[in-house]
Protein backbone atom coordinates (compact mmCIF):
# COMPACT_ATOMS: atom_id res chain seq x y z
CA MET A 1 6.73 22.44 -1.57
CA ASP A 2 3.03 22.81 -0.77
CA SER A 3 2.22 21.74 2.79
CA MET A 4 -0.48 19.25 1.71
CA VAL A 5 1.92 17.66 -0.78
CA GLU A 6 4.44 17.27 2.02
CA ILE A 7 1.78 15.85 4.35
CA TYR A 8 0.79 13.22 1.77
CA LEU A 9 4.44 12.31 1.08
CA ASN A 10 5.08 11.96 4.82
CA ARG A 11 1.97 9.82 5.16
CA ALA A 12 3.20 7.62 2.31
CA SER A 13 6.56 7.19 4.10
CA ASN A 14 4.80 6.36 7.37
CA GLU A 15 2.67 3.74 5.63
CA ILE A 16 5.84 2.08 4.32
CA LEU A 17 7.36 2.13 7.81
CA ALA A 18 4.20 0.51 9.18
CA ALA A 19 4.28 -2.14 6.45
CA GLU A 20 7.95 -2.90 7.09
CA SER A 21 7.39 -3.12 10.85
CA LEU A 22 4.41 -5.44 10.52
CA ASN A 23 6.29 -7.58 8.02
CA ARG A 24 9.22 -7.97 10.43
CA LEU A 25 6.85 -8.68 13.32
CA SER A 26 5.16 -11.38 11.24
CA GLU A 27 8.49 -13.16 10.76
CA ASN A 28 10.37 -12.58 14.02
CA GLN A 29 9.46 -15.01 16.81
CA LYS A 30 11.38 -13.05 19.45
CA ASP A 31 9.37 -9.90 18.69
CA LYS A 32 6.14 -11.89 18.78
CA LYS A 33 7.09 -13.14 22.23
CA ASN A 34 7.82 -9.55 23.37
CA PHE A 35 4.35 -8.51 22.21
CA GLU A 36 2.81 -11.65 23.73
CA LEU A 37 1.58 -12.84 20.33
CA ALA A 38 1.07 -16.46 19.36
CA SER A 39 3.82 -17.74 17.07
CA ASN A 40 1.35 -18.35 14.22
CA ILE A 41 0.10 -14.73 14.13
CA THR A 42 1.03 -12.74 11.04
CA PHE A 43 0.12 -9.33 9.69
CA TYR A 44 0.71 -9.90 5.98
CA SER A 45 -2.70 -8.58 4.99
CA SER A 46 -1.90 -5.37 6.85
CA VAL A 47 1.47 -5.18 5.09
CA ILE A 48 -0.38 -5.27 1.77
CA SER A 49 -2.87 -2.66 2.93
CA HIS A 50 -0.22 -0.25 4.25
CA SER A 51 1.82 -0.75 1.06
CA TYR A 52 -1.22 0.16 -1.01
CA TYR A 53 -1.91 3.27 1.07
CA SER A 54 1.68 4.46 0.68
CA ILE A 55 1.14 4.37 -3.08
CA PHE A 56 -2.27 6.02 -2.79
CA TYR A 57 -0.96 8.93 -0.70
CA SER A 58 2.06 9.51 -2.91
CA ALA A 59 -0.24 9.55 -5.96
CA LYS A 60 -2.43 12.14 -4.22
CA ALA A 61 0.71 14.18 -3.47
CA ILE A 62 1.93 14.28 -7.05
CA LEU A 63 -1.55 15.15 -8.29
CA LEU A 64 -1.63 18.10 -5.89
CA THR A 65 1.56 19.47 -7.48
CA THR A 66 -0.54 20.11 -10.57
CA GLY A 67 -3.55 21.43 -8.68
CA ILE A 68 -5.57 18.22 -8.90
CA LYS A 69 -7.33 17.26 -5.67
CA THR A 70 -9.30 14.02 -5.39
CA GLU A 71 -12.02 13.56 -2.80
CA ALA A 72 -14.80 11.19 -1.79
CA PRO A 73 -16.84 9.56 -3.12
CA ASN A 74 -14.71 7.12 -5.09
CA VAL A 75 -11.46 8.84 -4.05
CA HIS A 76 -9.40 5.73 -4.80
CA LYS A 77 -10.74 5.31 -8.32
CA ALA A 78 -10.58 9.05 -8.97
CA THR A 79 -6.97 9.19 -7.79
CA LEU A 80 -5.99 6.27 -10.03
CA ASP A 81 -7.85 7.73 -13.03
CA LYS A 82 -6.37 11.22 -12.59
CA PHE A 83 -2.89 9.80 -12.00
CA LYS A 84 -3.13 7.81 -15.23
CA GLU A 85 -4.57 10.74 -17.21
CA LYS A 86 -2.14 13.38 -15.98
CA PHE A 87 1.13 11.49 -15.65
CA VAL A 88 1.03 8.24 -17.58
CA ASP A 89 -1.02 9.06 -20.67
CA ASN A 90 1.14 12.16 -21.17
CA GLY A 91 4.32 10.11 -20.80
CA ILE A 92 5.50 11.99 -17.71
CA LEU A 93 6.03 8.85 -15.64
CA ASP A 94 7.06 5.36 -16.52
CA VAL A 95 4.08 3.12 -17.22
CA LYS A 96 5.53 0.67 -14.68
CA LEU A 97 4.41 2.94 -11.84
CA LEU A 98 0.80 2.77 -13.05
CA GLU A 99 1.01 -1.01 -13.35
CA ILE A 100 2.15 -1.27 -9.74
CA TYR A 101 -0.66 1.03 -8.58
CA LYS A 102 -3.35 -0.95 -10.42
CA LYS A 103 -2.00 -4.27 -9.16
CA LEU A 104 -2.19 -3.17 -5.53
CA ILE A 105 -5.71 -1.84 -5.90
CA VAL A 106 -6.80 -5.23 -7.17
CA ARG A 107 -4.96 -6.93 -4.33
CA ALA A 108 -6.59 -4.64 -1.76
CA ASP A 109 -10.01 -5.51 -3.17
CA ASP A 110 -9.13 -9.21 -3.16
CA LEU A 111 -8.09 -9.01 0.48
CA LEU A 112 -11.33 -7.30 1.39
CA GLU A 113 -13.23 -10.17 -0.23
CA ILE A 114 -11.07 -12.72 1.63
CA TYR A 115 -11.80 -10.87 4.85
CA LYS A 116 -15.55 -11.03 4.24
CA ILE A 117 -15.42 -14.75 3.54
CA GLU A 118 -13.10 -15.56 6.42
CA LYS A 119 -14.99 -13.43 8.93
CA GLY A 120 -17.64 -16.11 9.18
CA LYS A 121 -15.21 -19.03 9.43
CA ARG A 122 -13.60 -20.46 12.51
CA GLY A 123 -10.60 -22.67 13.09
CA ASN A 124 -6.90 -22.21 13.54
CA PHE A 125 -5.92 -24.05 10.34
CA THR A 126 -7.86 -21.68 8.09
CA TYR A 127 -6.30 -18.59 9.64
CA GLN A 128 -2.79 -20.04 9.44
CA THR A 129 -3.26 -20.97 5.81
CA ILE A 130 -4.58 -17.56 4.79
CA ALA A 131 -1.87 -15.73 6.72
CA GLN A 132 0.96 -17.78 5.25
CA ALA A 133 -0.55 -17.52 1.77
CA ASN A 134 -0.24 -13.74 2.05
CA LYS A 135 3.50 -13.74 2.84
CA GLU A 136 4.73 -13.64 -0.75
CA PRO A 137 2.19 -11.03 -1.95
CA ALA A 138 3.00 -8.93 1.14
CA ASN A 139 6.71 -8.92 0.34
CA GLU A 140 5.97 -8.07 -3.28
CA SER A 141 3.58 -5.28 -2.26
CA LEU A 142 6.15 -3.78 0.07
CA GLN A 143 8.81 -3.77 -2.65
CA ASN A 144 6.36 -2.27 -5.15
CA ALA A 145 5.38 0.44 -2.67
CA LYS A 146 9.01 1.38 -2.00
CA PHE A 147 9.68 1.60 -5.73
CA PHE A 148 6.54 3.64 -6.44
CA VAL A 149 6.98 6.09 -3.55
CA ALA A 150 10.69 6.59 -4.21
CA ASN A 151 9.98 7.51 -7.82
CA ILE A 152 7.12 9.84 -6.96
CA ASN A 153 9.35 11.56 -4.40
CA LYS A 154 12.00 12.09 -7.08
CA VAL A 155 9.51 13.65 -9.47
CA VAL A 156 7.95 15.90 -6.82
CA LYS A 157 11.32 17.09 -5.49
CA ASN A 158 12.58 17.86 -9.01
CA ASN A 159 9.58 20.13 -9.72
């Protein structure tokens, strides 16, 4: 396996580990106490972000197996477009993987917009509401990322 492919796959796995860890920390009061965090602190937005990046890096890895390298500017859009063109449009991968990838890109953009809006706001209630509202999407994103990365790993290792 090409070293850059392996680096991207390892990065994808690390992003999932980070997402899982932050998800557990968001829900475990004992761990929050150990880290001296307030009981209402959560990291669900970060879980979504790390889940997205695990998908992004695994997509970059599988593209590299065919000699396709995506770079800035617009690396995220280029990676999605090339992934769709090379693997989905040709029927190489299940369309479900593309649907997951697109859904998380939209969610990442939505979270960025929420961040911009909330940056100017103050008040404990607002932050608690936003954090708790992200719990379900965070869990869904983590499951989607695990599914996506596992399937990309299978394809890459079979080549």
